[in-house]
Amino acid sequence: VESGGGLVQPGGPLRLSCAASGFTLDDYVMGWFRQVPGKDDEYES
């Protein structure tokens, strides 16, 4: 479950968090990926 998104002005900061449940994160790689709205086929790692 992600949290922390919102509207921010250029140059500003924002912090996203991801909470995992149902398993522990040991031995996992966690990542953030983004998709521009309207560009469903384009993900950026």
All heavy atoms as atom14 arrays in JSON, in Angstrom:
{
  "sequence": "VESGGGLVQPGGPLRLSCAASGFTLDDYVMGWFRQVPGKDDEYES",
  "atom14_mask": [
    [1, 1, 1, 1, 1, 1, 1, 0, 0, 0, 0, 0, 0, 0],
    [1, 1, 1, 1, 1, 1, 1, 1, 1, 0, 0, 0, 0, 0],
    [1, 1, 1, 1, 1, 1, 0, 0, 0, 0, 0, 0, 0, 0],
    [1, 1, 1, 1, 0, 0, 0, 0, 0, 0, 0, 0, 0, 0],
    [1, 1, 1, 1, 0, 0, 0, 0, 0, 0, 0, 0, 0, 0],
    [1, 1, 1, 1, 0, 0, 0, 0, 0, 0, 0, 0, 0, 0],
    [1, 1, 1, 1, 1, 1, 1, 1, 0, 0, 0, 0, 0, 0],
    [1, 1, 1, 1, 1, 1, 1, 0, 0, 0, 0, 0, 0, 0],
    [1, 1, 1, 1, 1, 1, 1, 1, 1, 0, 0, 0, 0, 0],
    [1, 1, 1, 1, 1, 1, 1, 0, 0, 0, 0, 0, 0, 0],
    [1, 1, 1, 1, 0, 0, 0, 0, 0, 0, 0, 0, 0, 0],
    [1, 1, 1, 1, 0, 0, 0, 0, 0, 0, 0, 0, 0, 0],
    [1, 1, 1, 1, 1, 1, 1, 0, 0, 0, 0, 0, 0, 0],
    [1, 1, 1, 1, 1, 1, 1, 1, 0, 0, 0, 0, 0, 0],
    [1, 1, 1, 1, 1, 1, 1, 1, 1, 1, 1, 0, 0, 0],
    [1, 1, 1, 1, 1, 1, 1, 1, 0, 0, 0, 0, 0, 0],
    [1, 1, 1, 1, 1, 1, 0, 0, 0, 0, 0, 0, 0, 0],
    [1, 1, 1, 1, 1, 1, 0, 0, 0, 0, 0, 0, 0, 0],
    [1, 1, 1, 1, 1, 0, 0, 0, 0, 0, 0, 0, 0, 0],
    [1, 1, 1, 1, 1, 0, 0, 0, 0, 0, 0, 0, 0, 0],
    [1, 1, 1, 1, 1, 1, 0, 0, 0, 0, 0, 0, 0, 0],
    [1, 1, 1, 1, 0, 0, 0, 0, 0, 0, 0, 0, 0, 0],
    [1, 1, 1, 1, 1, 1, 1, 1, 1, 1, 1, 0, 0, 0],
    [1, 1, 1, 1, 1, 1, 1, 0, 0, 0, 0, 0, 0, 0],
    [1, 1, 1, 1, 1, 1, 1, 1, 0, 0, 0, 0, 0, 0],
    [1, 1, 1, 1, 1, 1, 1, 1, 0, 0, 0, 0, 0, 0],
    [1, 1, 1, 1, 1, 1, 1, 1, 0, 0, 0, 0, 0, 0],
    [1, 1, 1, 1, 1, 1, 1, 1, 1, 1, 1, 1, 0, 0],
    [1, 1, 1, 1, 1, 1, 1, 0, 0, 0, 0, 0, 0, 0],
    [1, 1, 1, 1, 1, 1, 1, 1, 0, 0, 0, 0, 0, 0],
    [1, 1, 1, 1, 0, 0, 0, 0, 0, 0, 0, 0, 0, 0],
    [1, 1, 1, 1, 1, 1, 1, 1, 1, 1, 1, 1, 1, 1],
    [1, 1, 1, 1, 1, 1, 1, 1, 1, 1, 1, 0, 0, 0],
    [1, 1, 1, 1, 1, 1, 1, 1, 1, 1, 1, 0, 0, 0],
    [1, 1, 1, 1, 1, 1, 1, 1, 1, 0, 0, 0, 0, 0],
    [1, 1, 1, 1, 1, 1, 1, 0, 0, 0, 0, 0, 0, 0],
    [1, 1, 1, 1, 1, 1, 1, 0, 0, 0, 0, 0, 0, 0],
    [1, 1, 1, 1, 0, 0, 0, 0, 0, 0, 0, 0, 0, 0],
    [1, 1, 1, 1, 1, 1, 1, 1, 1, 0, 0, 0, 0, 0],
    [1, 1, 1, 1, 1, 1, 1, 1, 0, 0, 0, 0, 0, 0],
    [1, 1, 1, 1, 1, 1, 1, 1, 0, 0, 0, 0, 0, 0],
    [1, 1, 1, 1, 1, 1, 1, 1, 1, 0, 0, 0, 0, 0],
    [1, 1, 1, 1, 1, 1, 1, 1, 1, 1, 1, 1, 0, 0],
    [1, 1, 1, 1, 1, 1, 1, 1, 1, 0, 0, 0, 0, 0],
    [1, 1, 1, 1, 1, 1, 0, 0, 0, 0, 0, 0, 0, 0]
  ],
  "atom14_positions": [
    [[0.85, -1.19, 0.0], [0.0, 0.0, 0.0], [0.88, 1.23, 0.0], [1.68, 1.45, 0.92], [-0.94, 0.03, 1.22], [-1.78, 1.29, 1.2], [-1.83, -1.21, 1.22], [0.0, 0.0, 0.0], [0.0, 0.0, 0.0], [0.0, 0.0, 0.0], [0.0, 0.0, 0.0], [0.0, 0.0, 0.0], [0.0, 0.0, 0.0], [0.0, 0.0, 0.0]],
    [[0.71, 2.05, -1.04], [1.47, 3.29, -1.16], [0.73, 4.43, -0.48], [-0.5, 4.43, -0.41], [1.7, 3.66, -2.63], [2.38, 2.62, -3.48], [1.41, 1.76, -4.25], [0.23, 1.69, -3.85], [1.82, 1.15, -5.26], [0.0, 0.0, 0.0], [0.0, 0.0, 0.0], [0.0, 0.0, 0.0], [0.0, 0.0, 0.0], [0.0, 0.0, 0.0]],
    [[1.49, 5.42, -0.03], [0.91, 6.63, 0.53], [1.88, 7.78, 0.31], [3.06, 7.57, 0.02], [0.61, 6.46, 2.02], [1.8, 6.21, 2.74], [0.0, 0.0, 0.0], [0.0, 0.0, 0.0], [0.0, 0.0, 0.0], [0.0, 0.0, 0.0], [0.0, 0.0, 0.0], [0.0, 0.0, 0.0], [0.0, 0.0, 0.0], [0.0, 0.0, 0.0]],
    [[1.35, 8.99, 0.44], [2.2, 10.17, 0.37], [2.12, 10.97, -0.91], [2.75, 12.02, -1.02], [0.0, 0.0, 0.0], [0.0, 0.0, 0.0], [0.0, 0.0, 0.0], [0.0, 0.0, 0.0], [0.0, 0.0, 0.0], [0.0, 0.0, 0.0], [0.0, 0.0, 0.0], [0.0, 0.0, 0.0], [0.0, 0.0, 0.0], [0.0, 0.0, 0.0]],
    [[1.36, 10.51, -1.88], [1.24, 11.26, -3.11], [0.45, 12.55, -2.9], [-0.17, 12.75, -1.87], [0.0, 0.0, 0.0], [0.0, 0.0, 0.0], [0.0, 0.0, 0.0], [0.0, 0.0, 0.0], [0.0, 0.0, 0.0], [0.0, 0.0, 0.0], [0.0, 0.0, 0.0], [0.0, 0.0, 0.0], [0.0, 0.0, 0.0], [0.0, 0.0, 0.0]],
    [[0.47, 13.41, -3.92], [-0.28, 14.65, -3.84], [0.24, 15.68, -4.8], [1.01, 15.37, -5.72], [0.0, 0.0, 0.0], [0.0, 0.0, 0.0], [0.0, 0.0, 0.0], [0.0, 0.0, 0.0], [0.0, 0.0, 0.0], [0.0, 0.0, 0.0], [0.0, 0.0, 0.0], [0.0, 0.0, 0.0], [0.0, 0.0, 0.0], [0.0, 0.0, 0.0]],
    [[-0.18, 16.9, -4.58], [0.2, 18.03, -5.42], [1.35, 18.79, -4.76], [1.27, 19.11, -3.57], [-1.0, 18.97, -5.62], [-0.72, 20.28, -6.36], [-0.3, 20.0, -7.8], [-1.96, 21.16, -6.32], [0.0, 0.0, 0.0], [0.0, 0.0, 0.0], [0.0, 0.0, 0.0], [0.0, 0.0, 0.0], [0.0, 0.0, 0.0], [0.0, 0.0, 0.0]],
    [[2.38, 19.06, -5.52], [3.54, 19.78, -5.0], [4.03, 20.75, -6.06], [3.91, 20.48, -7.27], [4.65, 18.8, -4.56], [5.15, 17.97, -5.74], [5.79, 19.51, -3.88], [0.0, 0.0, 0.0], [0.0, 0.0, 0.0], [0.0, 0.0, 0.0], [0.0, 0.0, 0.0], [0.0, 0.0, 0.0], [0.0, 0.0, 0.0], [0.0, 0.0, 0.0]],
    [[4.57, 21.87, -5.63], [5.09, 22.85, -6.57], [6.46, 22.43, -7.09], [7.2, 21.7, -6.41], [5.21, 24.21, -5.89], [3.88, 24.84, -5.57], [4.01, 26.28, -5.09], [5.07, 26.71, -4.66], [2.93, 27.03, -5.18], [0.0, 0.0, 0.0], [0.0, 0.0, 0.0], [0.0, 0.0, 0.0], [0.0, 0.0, 0.0], [0.0, 0.0, 0.0]],
    [[6.8, 22.85, -8.29], [8.15, 22.54, -8.81], [9.22, 23.01, -7.84], [9.14, 24.1, -7.28], [8.19, 23.33, -10.12], [6.76, 23.44, -10.54], [5.98, 23.58, -9.27], [0.0, 0.0, 0.0], [0.0, 0.0, 0.0], [0.0, 0.0, 0.0], [0.0, 0.0, 0.0], [0.0, 0.0, 0.0], [0.0, 0.0, 0.0], [0.0, 0.0, 0.0]],
    [[10.2, 22.14, -7.66], [11.28, 22.43, -6.73], [11.02, 21.92, -5.33], [11.93, 21.91, -4.49], [0.0, 0.0, 0.0], [0.0, 0.0, 0.0], [0.0, 0.0, 0.0], [0.0, 0.0, 0.0], [0.0, 0.0, 0.0], [0.0, 0.0, 0.0], [0.0, 0.0, 0.0], [0.0, 0.0, 0.0], [0.0, 0.0, 0.0], [0.0, 0.0, 0.0]],
    [[9.81, 21.51, -5.05], [9.46, 21.07, -3.71], [9.74, 19.61, -3.47], [10.09, 18.86, -4.38], [0.0, 0.0, 0.0], [0.0, 0.0, 0.0], [0.0, 0.0, 0.0], [0.0, 0.0, 0.0], [0.0, 0.0, 0.0], [0.0, 0.0, 0.0], [0.0, 0.0, 0.0], [0.0, 0.0, 0.0], [0.0, 0.0, 0.0], [0.0, 0.0, 0.0]],
    [[9.61, 19.19, -2.18], [9.84, 17.8, -1.82], [8.53, 17.05, -1.6], [7.47, 17.65, -1.35], [10.58, 17.93, -0.49], [9.95, 19.13, 0.14], [9.55, 20.05, -1.0], [0.0, 0.0, 0.0], [0.0, 0.0, 0.0], [0.0, 0.0, 0.0], [0.0, 0.0, 0.0], [0.0, 0.0, 0.0], [0.0, 0.0, 0.0], [0.0, 0.0, 0.0]],
    [[8.64, 15.74, -1.66], [7.51, 14.87, -1.35], [8.09, 13.53, -0.95], [9.12, 13.11, -1.5], [6.58, 14.72, -2.55], [5.13, 14.29, -2.29], [4.41, 15.34, -1.45], [4.4, 14.07, -3.6], [0.0, 0.0, 0.0], [0.0, 0.0, 0.0], [0.0, 0.0, 0.0], [0.0, 0.0, 0.0], [0.0, 0.0, 0.0], [0.0, 0.0, 0.0]],
    [[7.44, 12.88, -0.01], [7.92, 11.57, 0.44], [6.83, 10.53, 0.26], [5.72, 10.69, 0.76], [8.34, 11.64, 1.92], [8.98, 10.36, 2.44], [9.45, 10.55, 3.87], [10.08, 9.37, 4.44], [11.38, 9.12, 4.33], [12.17, 9.96, 3.69], [11.89, 8.0, 4.86], [0.0, 0.0, 0.0], [0.0, 0.0, 0.0], [0.0, 0.0, 0.0]],
    [[7.16, 9.49, -0.46], [6.25, 8.36, -0.65], [6.65, 7.22, 0.28], [7.84, 7.0, 0.51], [6.28, 7.87, -2.09], [5.99, 8.91, -3.17], [6.03, 8.23, -4.55], [4.66, 9.59, -2.95], [0.0, 0.0, 0.0], [0.0, 0.0, 0.0], [0.0, 0.0, 0.0], [0.0, 0.0, 0.0], [0.0, 0.0, 0.0], [0.0, 0.0, 0.0]],
    [[5.65, 6.51, 0.76], [5.92, 5.33, 1.57], [5.15, 4.14, 1.04], [4.09, 4.29, 0.43], [5.52, 5.59, 3.04], [6.36, 6.53, 3.63], [0.0, 0.0, 0.0], [0.0, 0.0, 0.0], [0.0, 0.0, 0.0], [0.0, 0.0, 0.0], [0.0, 0.0, 0.0], [0.0, 0.0, 0.0], [0.0, 0.0, 0.0], [0.0, 0.0, 0.0]],
    [[5.72, 2.96, 1.27], [5.09, 1.72, 0.84], [5.12, 0.76, 2.01], [6.2, 0.4, 2.5], [5.84, 1.14, -0.34], [5.26, -0.48, -0.88], [0.0, 0.0, 0.0], [0.0, 0.0, 0.0], [0.0, 0.0, 0.0], [0.0, 0.0, 0.0], [0.0, 0.0, 0.0], [0.0, 0.0, 0.0], [0.0, 0.0, 0.0], [0.0, 0.0, 0.0]],
    [[3.95, 0.36, 2.46], [3.84, -0.56, 3.59], [3.49, -1.95, 3.07], [2.55, -2.11, 2.31], [2.78, -0.08, 4.57], [0.0, 0.0, 0.0], [0.0, 0.0, 0.0], [0.0, 0.0, 0.0], [0.0, 0.0, 0.0], [0.0, 0.0, 0.0], [0.0, 0.0, 0.0], [0.0, 0.0, 0.0], [0.0, 0.0, 0.0], [0.0, 0.0, 0.0]],
    [[4.28, -2.92, 3.5], [4.05, -4.3, 3.09], [3.35, -5.06, 4.21], [3.7, -4.9, 5.38], [5.36, -4.99, 2.74], [0.0, 0.0, 0.0], [0.0, 0.0, 0.0], [0.0, 0.0, 0.0], [0.0, 0.0, 0.0], [0.0, 0.0, 0.0], [0.0, 0.0, 0.0], [0.0, 0.0, 0.0], [0.0, 0.0, 0.0], [0.0, 0.0, 0.0]],
    [[2.41, -5.89, 3.85], [1.74, -6.74, 4.82], [1.57, -8.13, 4.24], [1.53, -8.3, 3.02], [0.38, -6.16, 5.21], [-0.46, -6.07, 4.07], [0.0, 0.0, 0.0], [0.0, 0.0, 0.0], [0.0, 0.0, 0.0], [0.0, 0.0, 0.0], [0.0, 0.0, 0.0], [0.0, 0.0, 0.0], [0.0, 0.0, 0.0], [0.0, 0.0, 0.0]],
    [[1.52, -9.1, 5.11], [1.35, -10.47, 4.67], [2.66, -11.18, 4.38], [2.65, -12.38, 4.11], [0.0, 0.0, 0.0], [0.0, 0.0, 0.0], [0.0, 0.0, 0.0], [0.0, 0.0, 0.0], [0.0, 0.0, 0.0], [0.0, 0.0, 0.0], [0.0, 0.0, 0.0], [0.0, 0.0, 0.0], [0.0, 0.0, 0.0], [0.0, 0.0, 0.0]],
    [[3.76, -10.45, 4.41], [5.07, -11.06, 4.24], [6.12, -10.09, 4.78], [5.86, -8.89, 4.92], [5.36, -11.4, 2.77], [5.53, -10.21, 1.86], [6.77, -9.9, 1.34], [4.45, -9.42, 1.51], [6.92, -8.81, 0.49], [4.59, -8.34, 0.67], [5.83, -8.03, 0.16], [0.0, 0.0, 0.0], [0.0, 0.0, 0.0], [0.0, 0.0, 0.0]],
    [[7.29, -10.61, 5.07], [8.39, -9.74, 5.48], [9.27, -9.45, 4.28], [9.33, -10.23, 3.32], [9.23, -10.4, 6.58], [9.74, -11.65, 6.1], [8.41, -10.64, 7.83], [0.0, 0.0, 0.0], [0.0, 0.0, 0.0], [0.0, 0.0, 0.0], [0.0, 0.0, 0.0], [0.0, 0.0, 0.0], [0.0, 0.0, 0.0], [0.0, 0.0, 0.0]],
    [[9.94, -8.31, 4.34], [10.68, -7.84, 3.19], [12.06, -8.46, 3.03], [12.74, -8.21, 2.04], [10.81, -6.32, 3.25], [9.5, -5.54, 3.22], [9.77, -4.06, 3.27], [8.67, -5.91, 2.01], [0.0, 0.0, 0.0], [0.0, 0.0, 0.0], [0.0, 0.0, 0.0], [0.0, 0.0, 0.0], [0.0, 0.0, 0.0], [0.0, 0.0, 0.0]],
    [[12.47, -9.26, 4.03], [13.78, -9.9, 3.93], [13.89, -10.68, 2.62], [12.95, -11.36, 2.21], [13.98, -10.86, 5.1], [14.02, -10.14, 6.43], [14.09, -8.9, 6.43], [13.98, -10.82, 7.47], [0.0, 0.0, 0.0], [0.0, 0.0, 0.0], [0.0, 0.0, 0.0], [0.0, 0.0, 0.0], [0.0, 0.0, 0.0], [0.0, 0.0, 0.0]],
    [[15.07, -10.53, 1.97], [15.34, -11.27, 0.72], [14.47, -10.81, -0.45], [14.28, -11.53, -1.42], [15.19, -12.78, 0.9], [16.18, -13.33, 1.91], [17.33, -12.82, 1.94], [15.82, -14.25, 2.66], [0.0, 0.0, 0.0], [0.0, 0.0, 0.0], [0.0, 0.0, 0.0], [0.0, 0.0, 0.0], [0.0, 0.0, 0.0], [0.0, 0.0, 0.0]],
    [[13.94, -9.62, -0.33], [13.19, -9.03, -1.43], [13.89, -7.76, -1.92], [14.64, -7.11, -1.19], [11.77, -8.66, -1.0], [10.78, -9.79, -1.11], [10.69, -10.75, -0.11], [9.93, -9.89, -2.21], [9.8, -11.79, -0.21], [9.02, -10.93, -2.3], [8.97, -11.87, -1.3], [8.06, -12.9, -1.41], [0.0, 0.0, 0.0], [0.0, 0.0, 0.0]],
    [[13.63, -7.46, -3.17], [13.97, -6.16, -3.73], [12.66, -5.37, -3.84], [11.66, -5.88, -4.35], [14.64, -6.28, -5.11], [14.75, -4.93, -5.79], [16.03, -6.92, -4.96], [0.0, 0.0, 0.0], [0.0, 0.0, 0.0], [0.0, 0.0, 0.0], [0.0, 0.0, 0.0], [0.0, 0.0, 0.0], [0.0, 0.0, 0.0], [0.0, 0.0, 0.0]],
    [[12.71, -4.17, -3.33], [11.54, -3.3, -3.4], [11.85, -2.17, -4.38], [12.99, -1.7, -4.46], [11.23, -2.71, -2.03], [11.01, -3.74, -0.96], [9.45, -4.6, -1.2], [8.28, -3.27, -0.94], [0.0, 0.0, 0.0], [0.0, 0.0, 0.0], [0.0, 0.0, 0.0], [0.0, 0.0, 0.0], [0.0, 0.0, 0.0], [0.0, 0.0, 0.0]],
    [[10.83, -1.71, -5.07], [11.09, -0.67, -6.04], [9.93, 0.27, -6.22], [8.79, -0.01, -5.83], [0.0, 0.0, 0.0], [0.0, 0.0, 0.0], [0.0, 0.0, 0.0], [0.0, 0.0, 0.0], [0.0, 0.0, 0.0], [0.0, 0.0, 0.0], [0.0, 0.0, 0.0], [0.0, 0.0, 0.0], [0.0, 0.0, 0.0], [0.0, 0.0, 0.0]],
    [[10.26, 1.4, -6.83], [9.27, 2.39, -7.21], [9.3, 2.55, -8.73], [10.38, 2.71, -9.33], [9.55, 3.73, -6.54], [9.29, 3.72, -5.08], [10.19, 3.48, -4.08], [8.04, 3.94, -4.43], [9.58, 3.54, -2.86], [8.25, 3.82, -3.04], [6.75, 4.24, -4.88], [7.23, 3.98, -2.1], [5.73, 4.4, -3.95], [5.98, 4.26, -2.58]],
    [[8.11, 2.54, -9.3], [7.96, 2.67, -10.74], [6.89, 3.72, -10.99], [6.02, 3.95, -10.14], [7.55, 1.32, -11.34], [8.52, 0.22, -11.02], [8.45, -0.46, -9.82], [9.5, -0.13, -11.93], [9.36, -1.46, -9.5], [10.41, -1.14, -11.63], [10.35, -1.8, -10.41], [0.0, 0.0, 0.0], [0.0, 0.0, 0.0], [0.0, 0.0, 0.0]],
    [[6.95, 4.36, -12.13], [5.96, 5.39, -12.38], [5.41, 5.29, -13.79], [6.07, 4.81, -14.71], [6.54, 6.78, -12.12], [7.66, 7.21, -13.03], [8.27, 8.52, -12.52], [9.34, 9.01, -13.38], [10.11, 10.06, -13.09], [9.92, 10.74, -11.95], [11.05, 10.44, -13.93], [0.0, 0.0, 0.0], [0.0, 0.0, 0.0], [0.0, 0.0, 0.0]],
    [[4.18, 5.77, -13.92], [3.47, 5.75, -15.18], [2.81, 7.09, -15.37], [2.06, 7.54, -14.5], [2.43, 4.62, -15.17], [1.67, 4.44, -16.46], [0.62, 3.34, -16.35], [-0.11, 3.27, -15.37], [0.59, 2.46, -17.33], [0.0, 0.0, 0.0], [0.0, 0.0, 0.0], [0.0, 0.0, 0.0], [0.0, 0.0, 0.0], [0.0, 0.0, 0.0]],
    [[3.09, 7.71, -16.5], [2.48, 9.0, -16.79], [1.01, 8.78, -17.13], [0.69, 7.91, -17.94], [3.2, 9.7, -17.95], [2.5, 11.0, -18.31], [4.66, 9.95, -17.58], [0.0, 0.0, 0.0], [0.0, 0.0, 0.0], [0.0, 0.0, 0.0], [0.0, 0.0, 0.0], [0.0, 0.0, 0.0], [0.0, 0.0, 0.0], [0.0, 0.0, 0.0]],
    [[0.1, 9.55, -16.52], [-1.32, 9.39, -16.84], [-1.58, 9.53, -18.33], [-1.06, 10.44, -18.99], [-1.97, 10.54, -16.06], [-1.05, 10.78, -14.92], [0.33, 10.54, -15.47], [0.0, 0.0, 0.0], [0.0, 0.0, 0.0], [0.0, 0.0, 0.0], [0.0, 0.0, 0.0], [0.0, 0.0, 0.0], [0.0, 0.0, 0.0], [0.0, 0.0, 0.0]],
    [[-2.36, 8.61, -18.87], [-2.67, 8.63, -20.29], [-1.7, 7.85, -21.14], [-1.93, 7.64, -22.33], [0.0, 0.0, 0.0], [0.0, 0.0, 0.0], [0.0, 0.0, 0.0], [0.0, 0.0, 0.0], [0.0, 0.0, 0.0], [0.0, 0.0, 0.0], [0.0, 0.0, 0.0], [0.0, 0.0, 0.0], [0.0, 0.0, 0.0], [0.0, 0.0, 0.0]],
    [[-0.61, 7.41, -20.56], [0.39, 6.62, -21.29], [0.48, 5.25, -20.64], [1.46, 4.92, -19.95], [1.74, 7.33, -21.29], [1.72, 8.68, -21.99], [3.1, 9.28, -22.11], [3.05, 10.61, -22.84], [4.39, 11.22, -22.98], [0.0, 0.0, 0.0], [0.0, 0.0, 0.0], [0.0, 0.0, 0.0], [0.0, 0.0, 0.0], [0.0, 0.0, 0.0]],
    [[-0.53, 4.46, -20.88], [-0.67, 3.19, -20.18], [0.45, 2.19, -20.48], [0.69, 1.28, -19.71], [-2.02, 2.56, -20.5], [-3.17, 3.38, -19.94], [-2.91, 4.23, -19.06], [-4.32, 3.19, -20.36], [0.0, 0.0, 0.0], [0.0, 0.0, 0.0], [0.0, 0.0, 0.0], [0.0, 0.0, 0.0], [0.0, 0.0, 0.0], [0.0, 0.0, 0.0]],
    [[1.11, 2.33, -21.61], [2.14, 1.36, -21.99], [3.53, 1.78, -21.55], [4.5, 1.07, -21.82], [2.14, 1.14, -23.49], [0.85, 0.5, -23.98], [0.24, -0.25, -23.17], [0.46, 0.74, -25.12], [0.0, 0.0, 0.0], [0.0, 0.0, 0.0], [0.0, 0.0, 0.0], [0.0, 0.0, 0.0], [0.0, 0.0, 0.0], [0.0, 0.0, 0.0]],
    [[3.63, 2.92, -20.9], [4.95, 3.44, -20.55], [5.15, 3.45, -19.04], [4.54, 4.24, -18.33], [5.13, 4.84, -21.11], [5.1, 4.89, -22.62], [5.36, 6.31, -23.14], [5.9, 7.13, -22.38], [5.02, 6.57, -24.3], [0.0, 0.0, 0.0], [0.0, 0.0, 0.0], [0.0, 0.0, 0.0], [0.0, 0.0, 0.0], [0.0, 0.0, 0.0]],
    [[5.99, 2.54, -18.57], [6.41, 2.52, -17.18], [7.88, 2.92, -17.13], [8.67, 2.5, -17.97], [6.28, 1.12, -16.58], [4.92, 0.77, -16.05], [3.97, 0.17, -16.87], [4.58, 1.02, -14.73], [2.72, -0.16, -16.38], [3.34, 0.68, -14.22], [2.41, 0.09, -15.06], [1.18, -0.24, -14.57], [0.0, 0.0, 0.0], [0.0, 0.0, 0.0]],
    [[8.23, 3.67, -16.15], [9.64, 3.99, -15.92], [10.05, 3.42, -14.57], [9.37, 3.6, -13.58], [9.9, 5.49, -15.93], [11.36, 5.84, -15.69], [11.64, 7.33, -15.65], [10.67, 8.11, -15.64], [12.82, 7.72, -15.63], [0.0, 0.0, 0.0], [0.0, 0.0, 0.0], [0.0, 0.0, 0.0], [0.0, 0.0, 0.0], [0.0, 0.0, 0.0]],
    [[11.16, 2.72, -14.58], [11.72, 2.22, -13.33], [12.44, 3.38, -12.66], [13.4, 3.92, -13.21], [12.7, 1.08, -13.62], [12.07, 0.05, -14.35], [0.0, 0.0, 0.0], [0.0, 0.0, 0.0], [0.0, 0.0, 0.0], [0.0, 0.0, 0.0], [0.0, 0.0, 0.0], [0.0, 0.0, 0.0], [0.0, 0.0, 0.0], [0.0, 0.0, 0.0]]
  ]
}
